[in-house]
C-alpha atoms as a PDB file:
ATOM      1  CA  MET A   1     135.686 108.247 130.629  1.00  0.00           C
ATOM      2  CA  THR A   2     134.429 104.703 131.002  1.00  0.00           C
ATOM      3  CA  SER A   3     135.280 102.075 128.477  1.00  0.00           C
ATOM      4  CA  LEU A   4     132.847  99.703 126.805  1.00  0.00           C
ATOM      5  CA  ALA A   5     134.309  96.790 128.751  1.00  0.00           C
ATOM      6  CA  SER A   6     133.695  98.450 132.111  1.00  0.00           C
ATOM      7  CA  GLN A   7     130.134  99.339 131.129  1.00  0.00           C
ATOM      8  CA  ARG A   8     129.421  95.741 130.166  1.00  0.00           C
ATOM      9  CA  SER A   9     131.017  94.018 133.126  1.00  0.00           C
ATOM     10  CA  TRP A  10     127.624  92.439 133.847  1.00  0.00           C
ATOM     11  CA  LEU A  11     128.151  90.278 130.723  1.00  0.00           C
ATOM     12  CA  LEU A  12     130.812  88.344 132.605  1.00  0.00           C
ATOM     13  CA  ASP A  13     128.087  86.669 134.671  1.00  0.00           C
ATOM     14  CA  PRO A  14     127.308  83.321 132.956  1.00  0.00           C
ATOM     15  CA  GLY A  15     123.612  83.470 133.849  1.00  0.00           C
ATOM     16  CA  LEU A  16     123.203  86.928 132.353  1.00  0.00           C
ATOM     17  CA  LEU A  17     125.236  85.991 129.301  1.00  0.00           C
ATOM     18  CA  LYS A  18     122.906  83.033 128.753  1.00  0.00           C
ATOM     19  CA  LEU A  19     119.891  85.388 128.801  1.00  0.00           C
ATOM     20  CA  VAL A  20     121.584  87.742 126.319  1.00  0.00           C
ATOM     21  CA  HIS A  21     122.366  84.831 123.981  1.00  0.00           C
ATOM     22  CA  GLN A  22     118.766  83.671 124.225  1.00  0.00           C
ATOM     23  CA  CYS A  23     117.530  87.178 123.357  1.00  0.00           C
ATOM     24  CA  ARG A  24     119.949  87.343 120.427  1.00  0.00           C
ATOM     25  CA  ARG A  25     118.792  83.939 119.152  1.00  0.00           C
ATOM     26  CA  LEU A  26     115.102  84.887 119.392  1.00  0.00           C
ATOM     27  CA  ILE A  27     115.736  88.226 117.639  1.00  0.00           C
ATOM     28  CA  HIS A  28     117.627  86.447 114.876  1.00  0.00           C
ATOM     29  CA  THR A  29     114.761  83.972 114.466  1.00  0.00           C
ATOM     30  CA  GLU A  30     111.998  86.578 114.383  1.00  0.00           C
ATOM     31  CA  PHE A  31     113.623  89.582 112.694  1.00  0.00           C
ATOM     32  CA  GLY A  32     116.537  88.015 110.802  1.00  0.00           C
ATOM     33  CA  VAL A  33     118.999  90.417 112.451  1.00  0.00           C
ATOM     34  CA  LYS A  34     122.163  89.008 113.934  1.00  0.00           C
ATOM     35  CA  LEU A  35     123.360  91.082 116.888  1.00  0.00           C
ATOM     36  CA  HIS A  36     126.949  90.801 118.090  1.00  0.00           C
ATOM     37  CA  LEU A  37     128.148  91.203 121.656  1.00  0.00           C
ATOM     38  CA  THR A  38     130.775  93.722 120.538  1.00  0.00           C
ATOM     39  CA  GLU A  39     128.298  96.200 119.024  1.00  0.00           C
ATOM     40  CA  PRO A  40     128.466  99.592 120.759  1.00  0.00           C
ATOM     41  CA  HIS A  41     124.683  99.930 121.297  1.00  0.00           C
ATOM     42  CA  LEU A  42     123.807  96.310 121.969  1.00  0.00           C
ATOM     43  CA  GLU A  43     121.619  97.126 124.974  1.00  0.00           C
ATOM     44  CA  ASP A  44     119.586  99.673 123.019  1.00  0.00           C
ATOM     45  CA  GLN A  45     119.114  97.295 120.107  1.00  0.00           C
ATOM     46  CA  LEU A  46     118.044  94.458 122.407  1.00  0.00           C
ATOM     47  CA  ALA A  47     115.529  96.766 124.103  1.00  0.00           C
ATOM     48  CA  ASP A  48     114.253  98.022 120.753  1.00  0.00           C
ATOM     49  CA  TYR A  49     113.674  94.553 119.329  1.00  0.00           C
ATOM     50  CA  ALA A  50     112.166  93.351 122.607  1.00  0.00           C
ATOM     51  CA  SER A  51     109.631  96.189 122.426  1.00  0.00           C
ATOM     52  CA  LYS A  52     108.765  95.360 118.787  1.00  0.00           C
ATOM     53  CA  THR A  53     108.455  91.611 119.187  1.00  0.00           C
ATOM     54  CA  ARG A  54     105.316  89.548 119.090  1.00  0.00           C
ATOM     55  CA  SER A  55     107.115  86.689 120.853  1.00  0.00           C
ATOM     56  CA  THR A  56     106.161  86.278 124.500  1.00  0.00           C
ATOM     57  CA  GLN A  57     109.342  84.303 125.110  1.00  0.00           C
ATOM     58  CA  LEU A  58     111.553  87.190 123.990  1.00  0.00           C
ATOM     59  CA  SER A  59     109.542  89.642 126.090  1.00  0.00           C
ATOM     60  CA  ARG A  60     109.853  87.452 129.178  1.00  0.00           C
ATOM     61  CA  THR A  61     113.571  86.866 128.624  1.00  0.00           C
ATOM     62  CA  TRP A  62     114.204  90.610 128.227  1.00  0.00           C
ATOM     63  CA  LYS A  63     112.175  91.419 131.362  1.00  0.00           C
ATOM     64  CA  THR A  64     114.160  88.840 133.326  1.00  0.00           C
ATOM     65  CA  LEU A  65     117.406  90.358 132.085  1.00  0.00           C
ATOM     66  CA  VAL A  66     116.272  93.895 132.983  1.00  0.00           C
ATOM     67  CA  GLU A  67     115.261  92.738 136.472  1.00  0.00           C
ATOM     68  CA  LYS A  68     118.746  91.337 137.047  1.00  0.00           C
ATOM     69  CA  VAL A  69     120.565  94.293 135.431  1.00  0.00           C
ATOM     70  CA  PRO A  70     118.638  97.501 136.260  1.00  0.00           C
ATOM     71  CA  GLN A  71     120.967  99.695 134.181  1.00  0.00           C
ATOM     72  CA  LEU A  72     119.431  98.166 131.030  1.00  0.00           C
ATOM     73  CA  ASP A  73     116.012  99.594 131.861  1.00  0.00           C
ATOM     74  CA  ARG A  74     114.960 102.294 129.412  1.00  0.00           C
ATOM     75  CA  THR A  75     113.442 105.534 130.626  1.00  0.00           C
ATOM     76  CA  PRO A  76     109.657 105.366 131.069  1.00  0.00           C
ATOM     77  CA  ALA A  77     109.186 108.759 129.373  1.00  0.00           C
ATOM     78  CA  ALA A  78     110.616 107.438 126.106  1.00  0.00           C
ATOM     79  CA  ASP A  79     108.408 104.359 126.297  1.00  0.00           C
ATOM     80  CA  ALA A  80     105.319 106.490 126.932  1.00  0.00           C
ATOM     81  CA  THR A  81     105.891 108.555 123.797  1.00  0.00           C
ATOM     82  CA  GLU A  82     106.577 105.434 121.747  1.00  0.00           C
ATOM     83  CA  SER A  83     103.414 103.741 122.975  1.00  0.00           C
ATOM     84  CA  ALA A  84     101.353 106.793 121.991  1.00  0.00           C
ATOM     85  CA  LYS A  85     102.388 106.344 118.359  1.00  0.00           C
ATOM     86  CA  ARG A  86     100.409 103.963 116.183  1.00  0.00           C
ATOM     87  CA  THR A  87     102.336 100.895 115.055  1.00  0.00           C
ATOM     88  CA  TYR A  88     101.819  98.143 112.526  1.00  0.00           C
ATOM     89  CA  ARG A  89     103.881  94.959 112.893  1.00  0.00           C
ATOM     90  CA  GLY A  90     106.313  96.754 115.153  1.00  0.00           C
ATOM     91  CA  GLN A  91     106.892  99.697 112.823  1.00  0.00           C
ATOM     92  CA  VAL A  92     105.659 103.213 113.607  1.00  0.00           C
ATOM     93  CA  ILE A  93     102.952 104.425 111.235  1.00  0.00           C
ATOM     94  CA  ALA A  94     103.463 107.940 109.934  1.00  0.00           C
ATOM     95  CA  ASP A  95     100.381 110.039 110.553  1.00  0.00           C
ATOM     96  CA  ASP A  96      99.787 111.577 107.113  1.00  0.00           C
ATOM     97  CA  HIS A  97      96.614 113.405 108.103  1.00  0.00           C
ATOM     98  CA  PRO A  98      96.873 114.636 111.698  1.00  0.00           C
ATOM     99  CA  GLU A  99      93.859 116.900 111.192  1.00  0.00           C
ATOM    100  CA  ARG A 100      91.739 113.956 110.090  1.00  0.00           C
ATOM    101  CA  ALA A 101      92.048 112.312 113.497  1.00  0.00           C
ATOM    102  CA  SER A 102      90.386 115.230 115.251  1.00  0.00           C
ATOM    103  CA  THR A 103      87.801 116.245 112.658  1.00  0.00           C
ATOM    104  CA  THR A 104      84.131 116.599 113.341  1.00  0.00           C
ATOM    105  CA  VAL A 105      81.293 115.151 111.291  1.00  0.00           C
ATOM    106  CA  GLU A 106      80.706 118.540 109.658  1.00  0.00           C
ATOM    107  CA  LYS A 107      84.252 118.728 108.297  1.00  0.00           C
ATOM    108  CA  GLU A 108      84.076 115.192 106.908  1.00  0.00           C
ATOM    109  CA  GLU A 109      80.816 115.946 105.080  1.00  0.00           C
ATOM    110  CA  ALA A 110      82.230 119.155 103.615  1.00  0.00           C
ATOM    111  CA  GLN A 111      85.199 117.380 101.987  1.00  0.00           C
ATOM    112  CA  PRO A 112      84.250 115.396  98.877  1.00  0.00           C
ATOM    113  CA  ARG A 113      86.171 112.265  97.969  1.00  0.00           C
ATOM    114  CA  ARG A 114      89.197 113.281  95.891  1.00  0.00           C
ATOM    115  CA  THR A 115      89.917 109.975  94.181  1.00  0.00           C
ATOM    116  CA  LYS A 116      87.711 107.709  92.129  1.00  0.00           C
ATOM    117  CA  VAL A 117      87.318 104.311  93.757  1.00  0.00           C
ATOM    118  CA  ILE A 118      86.813 101.350  91.479  1.00  0.00           C
ATOM    119  CA  TYR A 119      85.611  98.063  92.934  1.00  0.00           C
ATOM    120  CA  ARG A 120      85.282  95.033  90.658  1.00  0.00           C
ATOM    121  CA  GLY A 121      85.237  97.206  87.595  1.00  0.00           C
ATOM    122  CA  GLN A 122      82.510  99.550  88.830  1.00  0.00           C
ATOM    123  CA  VAL A 123      82.965 103.113  90.089  1.00  0.00           C
ATOM    124  CA  VAL A 124      81.941 103.275  93.732  1.00  0.00           C
ATOM    125  CA  GLY A 125      80.422 106.551  94.919  1.00  0.00           C
END
């Protein structure tokens, strides 16, 4: 059984530690989440926030860190399934109507609008 300290021996390198601190600072700035070096799943959280970010600096810093420490690289199969999901501002959108995505024109015409839409005080058809 390996301990957390032996798994994170790469953090003893000052250059890598500087990259981790930079990632933590950028995550704190963008998401308001303060990550600690002693958290058990720090690598997973860093990867998760790096995939959700809109900051190019955080993305570049994470890629540099992954290049220097290959064990931080997430599996490509998990990334492929995550990229297939629709997201909005980094959050996965739940697909409420999976059948609606693959409907034909005939099905859409057959279903009448269920709710009344009001626009500027007038009922819209």
